[in-house]
Protein backbone atom coordinates (compact mmCIF):
# COMPACT_ATOMS: atom_id res chain seq x y z
CA MET A 1 -3.33 78.69 75.96
CA ALA A 2 -1.54 75.48 76.96
CA ARG A 3 -4.90 73.78 77.28
CA LYS A 4 -5.85 74.93 73.80
CA ASN A 5 -2.57 73.66 72.34
CA LYS A 6 -3.04 70.30 74.04
CA LYS A 7 -6.50 69.99 72.54
CA LYS A 8 -5.12 70.85 69.15
CA PHE A 9 -2.40 68.23 69.57
CA LEU A 10 -4.94 65.55 70.45
CA TYR A 11 -6.99 66.47 67.42
CA LEU A 12 -3.96 66.16 65.11
CA LYS A 13 -3.07 62.85 66.71
CA TRP A 14 -6.60 61.61 66.06
CA LEU A 15 -6.40 62.69 62.41
CA LEU A 16 -3.02 60.97 62.02
CA SER A 17 -4.41 57.77 63.49
CA ILE A 18 -7.39 57.89 61.13
CA GLY A 19 -5.00 58.45 58.22
CA ILE A 20 -2.78 55.51 59.18
CA VAL A 21 -5.75 53.20 59.62
CA SER A 22 -7.22 54.35 56.29
CA PHE A 23 -3.88 53.78 54.56
CA ILE A 24 -3.62 50.27 56.03
CA VAL A 25 -7.19 49.47 55.01
CA PHE A 26 -6.50 50.82 51.47
CA ILE A 27 -3.35 48.69 51.15
CA GLY A 28 -5.28 45.66 52.34
CA ILE A 29 -8.04 46.23 49.83
CA TYR A 30 -5.49 46.77 47.04
CA LEU A 31 -3.63 43.57 47.85
CA ALA A 32 -6.88 41.66 48.14
CA ALA A 33 -7.96 42.97 44.77
CA GLY A 34 -4.59 42.02 43.32
CA ASN A 35 -4.86 38.51 44.70
CA GLY A 36 -8.39 38.28 43.38
CA ASN A 37 -7.22 39.27 39.92
CA MET A 38 -4.50 36.66 40.04
CA GLY A 39 -7.12 34.06 40.84
CA ILE A 40 -9.18 35.12 37.83
CA GLY A 41 -6.06 35.03 35.74
CA ASP A 42 -5.41 31.49 36.87
CA ASN A 43 -8.92 30.52 35.93
CA LEU A 44 -8.52 32.15 32.53
CA GLN A 45 -5.29 30.29 31.97
CA GLU A 46 -7.00 27.04 32.84
CA ASP A 47 -9.76 27.94 30.38
CA THR A 48 -7.27 28.69 27.63
CA GLN A 49 -5.84 25.24 27.99
CA SER A 50 -9.22 23.85 27.01
CA SER A 51 -10.61 26.63 24.81
CA LYS A 52 -7.91 29.17 23.88
CA PRO A 53 -9.88 32.38 23.27
CA ASP A 54 -8.78 35.20 20.99
CA SER A 55 -5.00 35.22 20.75
CA SER A 56 -4.99 39.02 21.16
CA VAL A 57 -5.83 38.65 24.87
CA MET A 58 -3.69 35.58 25.47
CA GLU A 59 -0.31 35.41 27.09
CA PRO A 60 2.43 34.01 24.82
CA GLU A 61 2.49 30.21 24.64
CA ASN A 62 5.39 28.22 25.93
CA PRO A 63 7.39 27.43 22.74
CA SER A 64 8.39 23.97 23.97
CA ASN A 65 4.74 23.16 24.76
CA LYS A 66 3.67 24.40 21.31
CA GLU A 67 6.30 22.21 19.70
CA GLU A 68 5.13 19.26 21.78
CA ILE A 69 1.54 19.79 20.61
CA SER A 70 2.67 20.01 16.97
CA ASP A 71 4.66 16.77 17.36
CA LYS A 72 1.58 15.11 18.85
CA ILE A 73 -0.55 16.16 15.86
CA GLU A 74 2.11 14.96 13.40
CA ARG A 75 2.32 11.61 15.21
CA ILE A 76 -1.44 11.13 15.11
CA TYR A 77 -1.51 12.03 11.41
CA SER A 78 1.44 9.75 10.60
CA LEU A 79 -0.21 6.79 12.35
CA ALA A 80 -3.43 7.53 10.47
CA LYS A 81 -1.63 6.86 7.18
CA GLU A 82 -1.33 3.24 8.31
CA GLY A 83 -4.86 3.06 9.66
CA LYS A 84 -3.55 3.16 13.22
CA THR A 85 -3.93 5.26 16.37
CA ASP A 86 -1.87 5.31 19.55
CA TYR A 87 -3.52 1.96 20.21
CA GLY A 88 -1.13 0.54 17.60
CA THR A 89 -2.47 -3.01 17.88
CA PHE A 90 -5.62 -2.10 15.95
CA VAL A 91 -5.83 -1.22 12.25
CA VAL A 92 -8.95 0.41 10.87
CA GLY A 93 -10.39 -1.63 8.03
CA LYS A 94 -8.51 -4.76 9.07
CA THR A 95 -8.91 -5.53 12.78
CA SER A 96 -11.92 -7.71 13.57
CA HIS A 97 -14.41 -7.28 16.40
CA SER A 98 -13.19 -10.45 18.09
CA GLU A 99 -9.59 -9.22 18.03
CA VAL A 100 -10.68 -6.04 19.84
CA THR A 101 -12.66 -7.84 22.52
CA ASP A 102 -9.83 -10.34 23.05
CA ILE A 103 -7.62 -7.41 24.04
CA LEU A 104 -10.04 -4.85 25.55
CA GLY A 105 -12.76 -7.14 26.83
CA GLU A 106 -16.46 -6.35 26.63
CA PRO A 107 -17.48 -2.71 26.10
CA SER A 108 -19.36 -0.64 28.67
CA SER A 109 -22.10 0.20 26.19
CA LYS A 110 -23.16 -0.45 22.61
CA THR A 111 -25.06 1.73 20.11
CA ASP A 112 -26.45 1.09 16.62
CA SER A 113 -26.04 4.00 14.18
CA ASN A 114 -26.18 4.25 10.38
CA HIS A 115 -25.50 0.57 9.65
CA SER A 116 -22.64 0.63 12.17
CA ILE A 117 -22.26 -0.59 15.71
CA TYR A 118 -20.36 1.63 18.17
CA GLU A 119 -18.90 0.25 21.38
CA ASP A 120 -17.64 2.43 24.21
CA TYR A 121 -14.60 1.89 26.45
CA PRO A 122 -14.78 5.01 28.68
CA LYS A 123 -11.95 3.97 30.98
CA ARG A 124 -9.68 3.81 27.92
CA TYR A 125 -11.21 6.97 26.39
CA ILE A 126 -12.06 5.25 23.11
CA THR A 127 -15.14 4.39 21.07
CA ILE A 128 -14.89 1.87 18.23
CA GLY A 129 -17.25 1.60 15.28
CA TYR A 130 -17.77 -1.61 13.28
CA GLN A 131 -19.30 -2.65 10.01
CA ASN A 132 -19.49 -6.36 9.16
CA ASP A 133 -17.47 -7.15 12.30
CA THR A 134 -14.51 -5.04 11.11
CA VAL A 135 -13.25 -1.80 12.70
CA THR A 136 -14.27 1.12 10.47
CA ASP A 137 -14.14 4.04 12.93
CA PHE A 138 -11.71 4.50 15.83
CA ARG A 139 -12.48 7.47 18.12
CA THR A 140 -10.02 8.71 20.71
CA MET A 141 -10.91 11.21 23.44
CA ASP A 142 -8.12 11.00 26.00
CA GLU A 143 -6.63 13.97 27.83
CA GLU A 144 -3.65 14.19 25.47
CA VAL A 145 -5.95 14.65 22.48
CA LYS A 146 -7.96 17.28 24.35
CA LYS A 147 -4.82 19.41 24.77
CA VAL A 148 -4.88 20.04 21.01
CA HIS A 149 -6.72 23.16 19.83
CA TYR A 150 -8.24 24.35 16.58
CA ASN A 151 -5.34 26.68 15.73
CA ASP A 152 -2.78 23.96 16.49
CA ILE A 153 -4.36 21.68 13.88
CA ILE A 154 -4.49 24.35 11.17
CA GLN A 155 -0.93 25.51 11.85
CA THR A 156 0.45 21.96 11.76
CA LEU A 157 -1.58 20.25 9.03
CA GLY A 158 -2.76 23.24 7.00
CA LYS A 159 -6.24 23.74 5.61
CA ALA A 160 -8.55 20.76 6.08
CA ASP A 161 -9.43 18.64 3.05
CA GLN A 162 -13.04 18.83 4.15
CA VAL A 163 -14.92 20.88 6.75
CA SER A 164 -18.33 19.78 8.02
CA TYR A 165 -20.58 20.54 10.98
CA TYR A 166 -22.72 18.64 13.47
CA LYS A 167 -25.45 20.14 15.64
CA ASP A 168 -28.11 18.75 17.97
CA ASP A 169 -29.56 19.72 21.34
CA SER A 170 -26.26 18.97 23.08
CA TYR A 171 -23.55 19.71 20.51
CA ASN A 172 -22.58 22.37 18.01
CA GLN A 173 -19.39 21.01 16.47
CA ILE A 174 -16.98 21.54 13.60
CA ILE A 175 -15.28 18.55 11.99
CA LEU A 176 -11.91 19.05 10.28
CA SER A 177 -11.19 16.11 7.97
CA TYR A 178 -7.76 15.30 6.54
CA ASP A 179 -7.20 12.55 3.98
CA ALA A 180 -4.13 10.85 5.43
CA THR A 181 -4.19 8.51 2.41
CA PRO A 182 -6.80 7.96 -0.28
CA PHE A 183 -8.32 5.32 2.06
CA TYR A 184 -7.93 6.75 5.57
CA ARG A 185 -9.55 9.97 6.73
CA LEU A 186 -8.57 11.57 10.04
CA ARG A 187 -11.26 13.77 11.59
CA TRP A 188 -10.73 16.29 14.39
CA VAL A 189 -14.02 17.04 16.16
CA LEU A 190 -14.26 20.27 18.19
CA ASP A 191 -16.82 22.78 19.41
CA LYS A 192 -17.61 25.19 16.61
CA PRO A 193 -15.51 28.36 17.12
CA ASP A 194 -17.51 31.47 18.04
CA GLU A 195 -16.93 34.88 19.63
CA SER A 196 -16.74 33.43 23.12
CA ASN A 197 -14.41 30.60 22.14
CA LYS A 198 -12.41 31.25 19.00
CA ASN A 199 -9.89 28.48 19.55
CA PRO A 200 -11.70 25.44 21.00
CA SER A 201 -9.98 22.27 22.12
CA VAL A 202 -10.48 18.90 20.48
CA ASP A 203 -13.35 16.82 21.77
CA HIS A 204 -12.15 13.66 20.01
CA THR A 205 -10.43 12.32 16.91
CA SER A 206 -12.02 9.84 14.53
CA LEU A 207 -10.04 7.67 12.11
CA ILE A 208 -12.31 6.23 9.43
CA ILE A 209 -12.16 4.52 6.06
CA ASN A 210 -12.77 6.78 3.09
CA GLN A 211 -15.49 4.52 1.72
CA GLU A 212 -15.69 5.96 -1.80
CA ASN A 213 -11.97 5.62 -2.44
CA GLN A 214 -11.88 2.16 -0.89
CA GLU A 215 -14.65 0.94 -3.17
CA ALA A 216 -12.89 2.37 -6.23
CA GLU A 217 -9.63 0.74 -5.18
CA GLU A 218 -11.30 -2.61 -4.54
CA GLN A 219 -12.69 -2.47 -8.05
CA GLU A 220 -9.14 -1.89 -9.32
CA LEU A 221 -7.39 -4.51 -7.23
CA GLY A 222 -7.33 -8.10 -8.27
CA LYS A 223 -8.67 -7.40 -11.77
CA SER A 224 -5.67 -8.88 -13.55
CA GLU A 225 -6.04 -12.22 -11.74
CA ASP A 226 -9.32 -12.82 -13.57
CA VAL A 227 -8.18 -11.67 -17.02
CA SER A 228 -6.65 -13.84 -19.70
CA ILE A 229 -4.82 -12.44 -22.70
CA SER A 230 -7.14 -14.32 -25.01
CA ALA A 231 -10.04 -12.26 -23.65
CA MET A 232 -8.31 -8.98 -24.51
CA SER A 233 -8.61 -7.12 -27.78
CA LEU A 234 -5.51 -5.95 -29.64
CA GLU A 235 -6.30 -2.36 -28.60
CA GLU A 236 -6.49 -3.39 -24.94
CA LYS A 237 -3.19 -5.25 -25.16
CA ILE A 238 -1.37 -2.36 -26.86
CA GLY A 239 -2.78 0.02 -24.26
CA GLN A 240 -1.11 -2.01 -21.50
CA LEU A 241 2.26 -1.22 -23.08
CA ILE A 242 1.81 2.53 -22.60
CA ILE A 243 2.36 4.75 -19.58
CA ALA A 244 1.13 8.24 -20.44
CA GLY A 245 1.44 11.72 -19.02
CA ILE A 246 -1.27 14.36 -18.60
CA ASP A 247 -1.06 18.14 -18.76
CA GLY A 248 -3.21 19.50 -15.93
CA THR A 249 -4.07 19.06 -12.27
CA SER A 250 -7.38 17.33 -12.94
CA VAL A 251 -8.67 14.79 -15.43
CA GLN A 252 -9.65 16.38 -18.76
CA GLU A 253 -11.61 14.83 -21.63
CA LEU A 254 -8.47 13.86 -23.56
CA ASP A 255 -7.04 12.18 -20.45
CA LYS A 256 -10.29 10.29 -20.00
CA SER A 257 -10.09 9.20 -23.65
CA LEU A 258 -6.69 7.62 -23.00
CA ILE A 259 -8.40 5.32 -20.50
CA THR A 260 -11.75 4.67 -22.15
CA ASP A 261 -10.68 4.62 -25.82
CA TYR A 262 -7.03 3.53 -25.70
CA HIS A 263 -6.95 1.49 -22.46
CA VAL A 264 -3.53 2.80 -21.41
CA GLY A 265 -1.75 0.74 -18.78
CA GLY A 266 -0.86 3.66 -16.53
CA PHE A 267 0.02 7.29 -15.99
CA ILE A 268 3.06 9.27 -14.91
CA LEU A 269 2.46 12.46 -12.92
CA TYR A 270 4.94 15.30 -12.47
CA ALA A 271 5.24 18.19 -10.03
CA ASN A 272 3.11 20.42 -12.26
CA ASN A 273 0.30 17.87 -11.95
CA LEU A 274 0.60 17.67 -8.16
CA VAL A 275 -0.18 20.88 -6.27
CA THR A 276 -1.62 19.89 -2.89
CA ARG A 277 -2.26 16.71 -0.95
CA GLN A 278 -6.02 16.95 -1.45
CA GLN A 279 -5.77 17.75 -5.17
CA THR A 280 -3.33 14.88 -5.72
CA HIS A 281 -5.58 12.41 -3.91
CA SER A 282 -8.51 13.56 -6.04
CA LEU A 283 -6.57 13.30 -9.31
CA VAL A 284 -5.29 9.79 -8.56
CA SER A 285 -8.72 8.63 -7.38
CA ASP A 286 -10.43 10.07 -10.46
CA LEU A 287 -8.05 8.23 -12.79
CA LYS A 288 -8.74 4.95 -10.99
CA GLU A 289 -12.47 5.59 -10.96
CA ILE A 290 -12.58 6.17 -14.72
CA ASN A 291 -10.54 3.01 -15.25
CA LYS A 292 -12.90 0.79 -13.23
CA TRP A 293 -14.58 -0.52 -16.39
CA ASN A 294 -11.28 -1.65 -17.93
CA LYS A 295 -9.97 -5.15 -17.42
CA LEU A 296 -6.67 -4.25 -15.71
CA PRO A 297 -5.75 -1.75 -12.97
CA LEU A 298 -3.60 1.29 -13.72
CA PHE A 299 0.02 1.93 -12.93
CA ILE A 300 0.02 5.34 -11.21
CA SER A 301 3.64 6.40 -11.30
CA VAL A 302 5.90 9.23 -10.17
CA ASP A 303 9.56 10.25 -10.01
CA GLN A 304 10.20 10.36 -6.26
CA GLU A 305 13.92 9.78 -5.82
CA GLY A 306 14.46 12.10 -2.87
CA GLY A 307 16.72 15.13 -2.89
CA ARG A 308 16.07 17.48 -5.79
CA ILE A 309 13.97 14.95 -7.73
CA SER A 310 10.86 14.93 -5.57
CA ARG A 311 7.42 15.48 -7.04
CA LEU A 312 5.03 14.87 -4.14
CA PRO A 313 3.52 17.94 -2.46
CA GLU A 314 3.35 18.60 1.26
CA VAL A 315 5.60 15.74 2.37
CA GLU A 316 8.88 15.78 4.23
CA ASN A 317 11.53 15.22 1.58
CA THR A 318 14.06 12.42 1.93
CA PRO A 319 17.82 12.89 1.42
CA SER A 320 19.43 12.75 -2.00
CA SER A 321 21.08 9.50 -3.11
CA LEU A 322 24.48 11.11 -2.68
CA VAL A 323 23.77 11.84 0.99
CA ILE A 324 22.77 8.20 1.44
CA GLY A 325 25.89 7.03 -0.39
CA ASN A 326 28.15 9.23 1.73
CA LYS A 327 26.60 7.74 4.87
CA ASN A 328 27.12 4.23 3.42
CA ASP A 329 24.82 2.56 5.93
CA LYS A 330 22.62 -0.25 4.56
CA GLU A 331 20.07 -0.04 7.35
CA TYR A 332 19.77 3.73 6.86
CA ALA A 333 19.34 3.29 3.09
CA TYR A 334 16.61 0.72 3.65
CA ARG A 335 14.75 3.05 6.05
CA ILE A 336 14.92 5.86 3.50
CA GLY A 337 13.58 3.49 0.84
CA ARG A 338 10.67 2.58 3.08
CA LYS A 339 9.97 6.24 3.77
CA ILE A 340 9.95 6.99 0.04
CA GLY A 341 7.62 4.05 -0.54
CA GLU A 342 5.37 5.16 2.31
CA ASN A 343 5.12 8.69 0.90
CA VAL A 344 4.41 7.43 -2.61
CA LYS A 345 1.78 4.95 -1.42
CA SER A 346 0.06 7.52 0.80
CA PHE A 347 -1.05 9.45 -2.29
CA GLY A 348 -2.31 6.36 -4.11
CA PHE A 349 0.72 5.85 -6.37
CA ASN A 350 1.92 2.30 -6.93
CA LEU A 351 5.08 2.73 -9.05
CA ASP A 352 8.14 4.87 -8.37
CA TYR A 353 10.98 5.58 -10.81
CA ALA A 354 13.68 5.04 -8.21
CA PRO A 355 16.40 4.34 -7.29
CA VAL A 356 19.06 5.66 -9.69
CA LEU A 357 21.76 3.01 -10.16
CA ASP A 358 24.04 5.14 -12.34
CA ILE A 359 27.62 5.47 -11.13
CA ASN A 360 28.56 9.14 -11.17
CA SER A 361 31.95 8.52 -12.78
CA ASN A 362 32.09 11.71 -14.87
CA PRO A 363 32.19 14.98 -12.89
CA GLU A 364 31.05 16.85 -16.02
CA ASN A 365 27.77 14.91 -16.13
CA PRO A 366 24.98 17.53 -16.28
CA VAL A 367 22.01 15.34 -15.33
CA ILE A 368 22.99 12.73 -12.71
CA GLY A 369 25.15 14.36 -10.02
CA ASP A 370 23.68 13.91 -6.54
CA ARG A 371 20.97 11.65 -7.95
CA SER A 372 23.65 8.93 -7.86
CA PHE A 373 24.82 7.23 -4.68
CA GLY A 374 28.40 8.04 -5.69
CA ASN A 375 31.30 7.16 -7.96
CA ASN A 376 32.02 3.80 -6.34
CA ALA A 377 30.29 0.72 -7.77
CA ASP A 378 30.15 -1.09 -4.43
CA ILE A 379 28.48 1.84 -2.65
CA VAL A 380 26.04 2.37 -5.51
CA HIS A 381 24.86 -1.23 -5.58
CA ASP A 382 24.82 -1.65 -1.78
CA MET A 383 22.82 1.53 -1.13
CA GLY A 384 20.71 1.25 -4.29
CA ILE A 385 19.54 -2.28 -3.55
CA GLN A 386 18.55 -1.34 0.02
CA VAL A 387 16.53 1.66 -1.19
CA MET A 388 14.91 -0.57 -3.81
CA LYS A 389 13.99 -3.16 -1.18
CA GLY A 390 12.63 -0.48 1.13
CA ILE A 391 10.33 0.83 -1.61
CA GLN A 392 9.19 -2.69 -2.47
CA ALA A 393 8.48 -3.41 1.20
CA GLU A 394 5.75 -0.75 1.03
CA LYS A 395 4.12 -2.64 -1.88
CA VAL A 396 5.29 0.01 -4.33
CA ILE A 397 6.96 -1.04 -7.60
CA SER A 398 10.56 0.15 -7.76
CA VAL A 399 12.02 1.01 -11.18
CA VAL A 400 15.83 0.91 -11.27
CA LYS A 401 17.41 3.24 -13.82
CA HIS A 402 19.03 4.25 -16.24
CA PHE A 403 20.32 1.04 -17.86
CA PRO A 404 23.06 0.44 -18.94
CA GLY A 405 24.35 3.53 -17.06
CA HIS A 406 23.99 7.29 -17.51
CA GLY A 407 26.86 8.26 -15.22
CA ASP A 408 29.61 8.76 -17.80
CA THR A 409 27.84 11.22 -20.09
CA VAL A 410 28.44 14.91 -20.76
CA VAL A 411 25.09 15.51 -22.46
CA ASP A 412 21.62 15.61 -20.89
CA SER A 413 19.37 13.14 -22.75
CA HIS A 414 16.39 15.39 -22.05
CA ILE A 415 17.98 17.74 -24.58
CA GLN A 416 20.37 15.74 -26.80
CA LEU A 417 21.40 12.14 -27.48
CA PRO A 418 24.43 11.26 -25.31
CA LYS A 419 27.14 8.99 -26.69
CA VAL A 420 29.22 6.63 -24.54
CA ASN A 421 32.18 5.06 -26.36
CA LYS A 422 32.69 2.14 -24.03
CA SER A 423 33.07 -1.51 -24.91
CA LEU A 424 30.99 -4.24 -23.32
CA THR A 425 33.97 -5.22 -21.17
CA GLN A 426 34.33 -1.67 -19.88
CA LEU A 427 30.62 -1.54 -19.05
CA GLN A 428 30.86 -4.88 -17.26
CA ASN A 429 33.71 -3.56 -15.14
CA LEU A 430 31.75 -0.52 -13.92
CA GLU A 431 28.32 0.62 -15.17
CA LEU A 432 26.62 -2.77 -15.27
CA ILE A 433 27.65 -3.87 -11.76
CA PRO A 434 24.80 -2.18 -9.82
CA PHE A 435 22.19 -3.37 -12.33
CA GLU A 436 23.44 -6.94 -12.18
CA TYR A 437 23.26 -6.90 -8.38
CA ALA A 438 19.75 -5.40 -8.50
CA ILE A 439 18.55 -8.06 -10.93
CA ASN A 440 19.95 -10.79 -8.69
CA ASN A 441 18.18 -9.19 -5.72
CA GLY A 442 14.69 -9.03 -7.15
CA ALA A 443 14.45 -5.94 -9.35
CA ASP A 444 10.98 -5.84 -10.91
CA VAL A 445 11.42 -3.13 -13.55
CA VAL A 446 14.44 -1.74 -15.38
CA MET A 447 14.31 1.61 -17.18
CA VAL A 448 16.49 1.81 -20.29
CA ALA A 449 18.21 5.10 -21.09
CA HIS A 450 18.35 7.10 -24.31
CA ILE A 451 22.12 6.67 -24.72
CA LEU A 452 23.99 5.72 -27.88
CA LEU A 453 26.67 3.07 -27.31
CA PRO A 454 28.35 2.73 -30.74
CA LYS A 455 30.47 -0.25 -29.68
CA LEU A 456 27.24 -2.18 -28.97
CA ASP A 457 24.87 -0.60 -31.52
CA LYS A 458 25.93 2.08 -34.00
CA THR A 459 22.38 2.98 -35.06
CA TYR A 460 20.00 2.93 -32.13
CA PRO A 461 20.17 4.31 -28.57
CA ALA A 462 19.87 1.76 -25.77
CA SER A 463 16.11 2.31 -25.44
CA MET A 464 15.63 1.14 -29.06
CA SER A 465 18.49 -1.35 -29.30
CA LYS A 466 18.04 -5.12 -29.49
CA ALA A 467 21.73 -5.50 -28.69
CA VAL A 468 21.22 -3.69 -25.39
CA ILE A 469 17.74 -4.83 -24.31
CA THR A 470 17.50 -8.41 -25.58
CA ASP A 471 21.12 -9.50 -25.98
CA LEU A 472 22.59 -7.77 -22.93
CA LEU A 473 19.79 -7.18 -20.43
CA ARG A 474 17.66 -10.24 -21.13
CA ASN A 475 20.15 -12.87 -22.29
CA GLN A 476 23.40 -12.00 -20.52
CA LEU A 477 22.05 -10.52 -17.28
CA HIS A 478 19.02 -12.86 -17.27
CA PHE A 479 16.46 -10.17 -16.46
CA ASP A 480 12.94 -11.51 -16.96
CA GLY A 481 10.99 -8.60 -15.45
CA VAL A 482 9.45 -5.57 -17.12
CA VAL A 483 11.57 -3.26 -19.31
CA ILE A 484 10.39 0.32 -19.66
CA THR A 485 11.87 3.10 -21.77
CA ASP A 486 12.79 6.51 -20.47
CA ASP A 487 10.36 9.19 -21.64
CA MET A 488 10.16 9.00 -25.44
CA THR A 489 9.33 12.71 -25.71
CA MET A 490 12.85 13.67 -24.57
CA GLY A 491 15.09 15.52 -26.98
CA ALA A 492 17.36 12.49 -27.41
CA ILE A 493 14.49 10.75 -29.24
CA VAL A 494 12.20 13.35 -30.83
CA ASP A 495 15.10 15.36 -32.28
CA ASN A 496 16.57 12.26 -33.94
CA PHE A 497 13.66 9.90 -34.63
CA GLU A 498 9.95 9.98 -35.41
CA ILE A 499 8.30 9.09 -32.09
CA GLY A 500 5.90 6.45 -33.48
CA GLU A 501 8.66 4.63 -35.34
CA ALA A 502 10.91 4.88 -32.29
CA ALA A 503 8.22 3.19 -30.16
CA VAL A 504 7.87 0.36 -32.69
CA ASP A 505 11.64 -0.14 -32.80
CA SER A 506 11.77 -0.17 -29.01
CA ILE A 507 9.19 -2.96 -28.76
CA LEU A 508 11.00 -4.92 -31.47
CA ALA A 509 14.18 -4.48 -29.42
CA GLY A 510 12.52 -5.98 -26.34
CA SER A 511 10.86 -3.15 -24.39
CA ASP A 512 7.61 -3.96 -22.59
CA ILE A 513 6.38 -0.45 -21.75
CA ILE A 514 6.77 2.75 -23.73
CA LEU A 515 6.79 5.85 -21.53
CA VAL A 516 5.22 8.85 -23.28
CA ALA A 517 5.13 11.55 -20.65
CA HIS A 518 4.00 14.61 -22.59
CA ASP A 519 1.38 15.64 -25.14
CA TYR A 520 -1.76 13.70 -26.01
CA THR A 521 -0.82 13.78 -29.71
CA ASN A 522 2.45 11.98 -29.00
CA ILE A 523 0.66 9.33 -26.96
CA ARG A 524 -1.94 8.69 -29.63
CA THR A 525 0.75 8.59 -32.34
CA VAL A 526 2.69 5.93 -30.44
CA ILE A 527 -0.41 3.78 -29.88
CA LYS A 528 -1.52 4.00 -33.49
CA SER A 529 1.99 3.30 -34.78
CA ILE A 530 2.24 0.12 -32.70
CA LYS A 531 -1.18 -1.04 -33.87
CA THR A 532 -0.30 -0.39 -37.52
CA ALA A 533 2.95 -2.30 -37.08
CA VAL A 534 1.01 -5.31 -35.76
CA GLU A 535 -1.53 -5.10 -38.55
CA ASN A 536 1.32 -5.00 -41.09
CA ASN A 537 3.13 -7.93 -39.44
CA ILE A 538 6.12 -5.77 -38.47
CA ILE A 539 5.42 -6.69 -34.85
CA THR A 540 3.78 -10.05 -34.24
CA GLU A 541 0.88 -10.29 -31.83
CA ASP A 542 2.84 -12.97 -30.00
CA ARG A 543 5.51 -10.34 -29.32
CA ILE A 544 2.82 -8.02 -27.90
CA ASN A 545 1.50 -10.89 -25.78
CA GLU A 546 4.94 -11.48 -24.24
CA SER A 547 5.02 -7.95 -22.89
CA VAL A 548 1.38 -8.01 -21.77
CA GLU A 549 2.06 -11.17 -19.78
CA ARG A 550 4.97 -9.48 -17.97
CA VAL A 551 2.84 -6.39 -17.27
CA MET A 552 -0.03 -8.51 -15.95
CA GLU A 553 2.29 -10.49 -13.69
CA LEU A 554 3.70 -7.27 -12.25
CA LYS A 555 0.22 -5.90 -11.62
CA ASN A 556 -0.81 -9.18 -10.01
CA ASN A 557 2.17 -9.00 -7.66
CA TYR A 558 1.66 -5.42 -6.51
CA LEU A 559 -1.75 -4.02 -7.38
CA LYS A 560 -3.90 -6.19 -5.14
């Protein structure tokens, strides 16, 4: 019996040993499998850094890394607006081949392709394309660029302006093109997304010249240098005195007629005309393209003051004038002016109705408010002049407004005709101060307001008053630049005057440009009224010529 029990005990001991060994082996296999899975996970994570598959199987991204990628994309796009890359020395369309080789030396290889020469610098991760010895394509393929993925681009820059594809024996690629300006196109080149790789990384970026827009612009620029007034017809000269508005988001037949039949000098576009970056670029380019057969380039203008008066789509807005005034920092004001000018120029505009030089002296004013730099004349002229200079530094025409001052009104001139019962001495002690400083600091254009000043002119608002435009602005303040009216379709004018007669009176008073921002019928009426007035010797052709000369000089200075 004891022997039997001993045998049974040995058998149980053997079973226990087998169980322990099996358990140890099982744990070992489990841990090994776990470690193996971790290794695969690591490999997947490495893959996602270069290809980012379907987000449904991805681990959440590091927010700080995502923000860093977005900042990188924004920086690349911002540089593209100036024709630059991270190699800031070079500017596409301007830098010559010799300038590149002076800095980078000789390339590792050279290829001829489609009338271009491409030179490779693999150690610097760049390839540069040339036409006529000028850089026309700058390709970057460094590791920082390759960290950007398809979804990052779409989330940061939105839908591409153009999507195209490239395929050969080695590549199957998608190309996302963004028009940074009408003349610079930034292309992101990636593997074409598919089921195995839905979020590919960037292979390289390519910054190129938008050839079609550049050719149209070159046809526009420099025209006025070769034109003499004697070579222009009366219709062409009168057209140069008109800046017109359009109704839609694309050029219609009536808009085209304003260019081809009436030779208007420019256009003003509002927020309802400007929906997206791509659409705005197309609209501006189309207007310039239609105008290429006219003798003079177009003013393409916009109200981009910053703050609540901002018309451009898909741009980071700049602070209101009041915010700038409260900061009271000249350098800051200048930087904001440059940013405004940069934004305006990036869409192809060349004239901006900013800054506002009105002193916000009446708290009941319904239209100025934070559009003014403040209620202190010194702050208004200091900040206003710096913003003006910043805009001008970007080769954009700055229009200072609303002469002789819209700050002490209680009526909105868009709706009614405001009245300001101030004497000339009172105006000189406050409202006129910022305008006088601006004129002495190089103001190119002054916009005159629809304000009645009975102590200067009992009959006509400033925009139609010889006492205000010629006697005060021209003769006393010695302004010899371009004078433009505020929009003549505003209630202050159309509810009190016939628009054609008002335009004639404005030119007789000394205005150079009549702004007619709404309705084709209004625009045509103004043009025909001016022509009739010349034909009937109410306005002399010499008077028309004076204004055309000022307009041509302004276009010569900026639109080339």
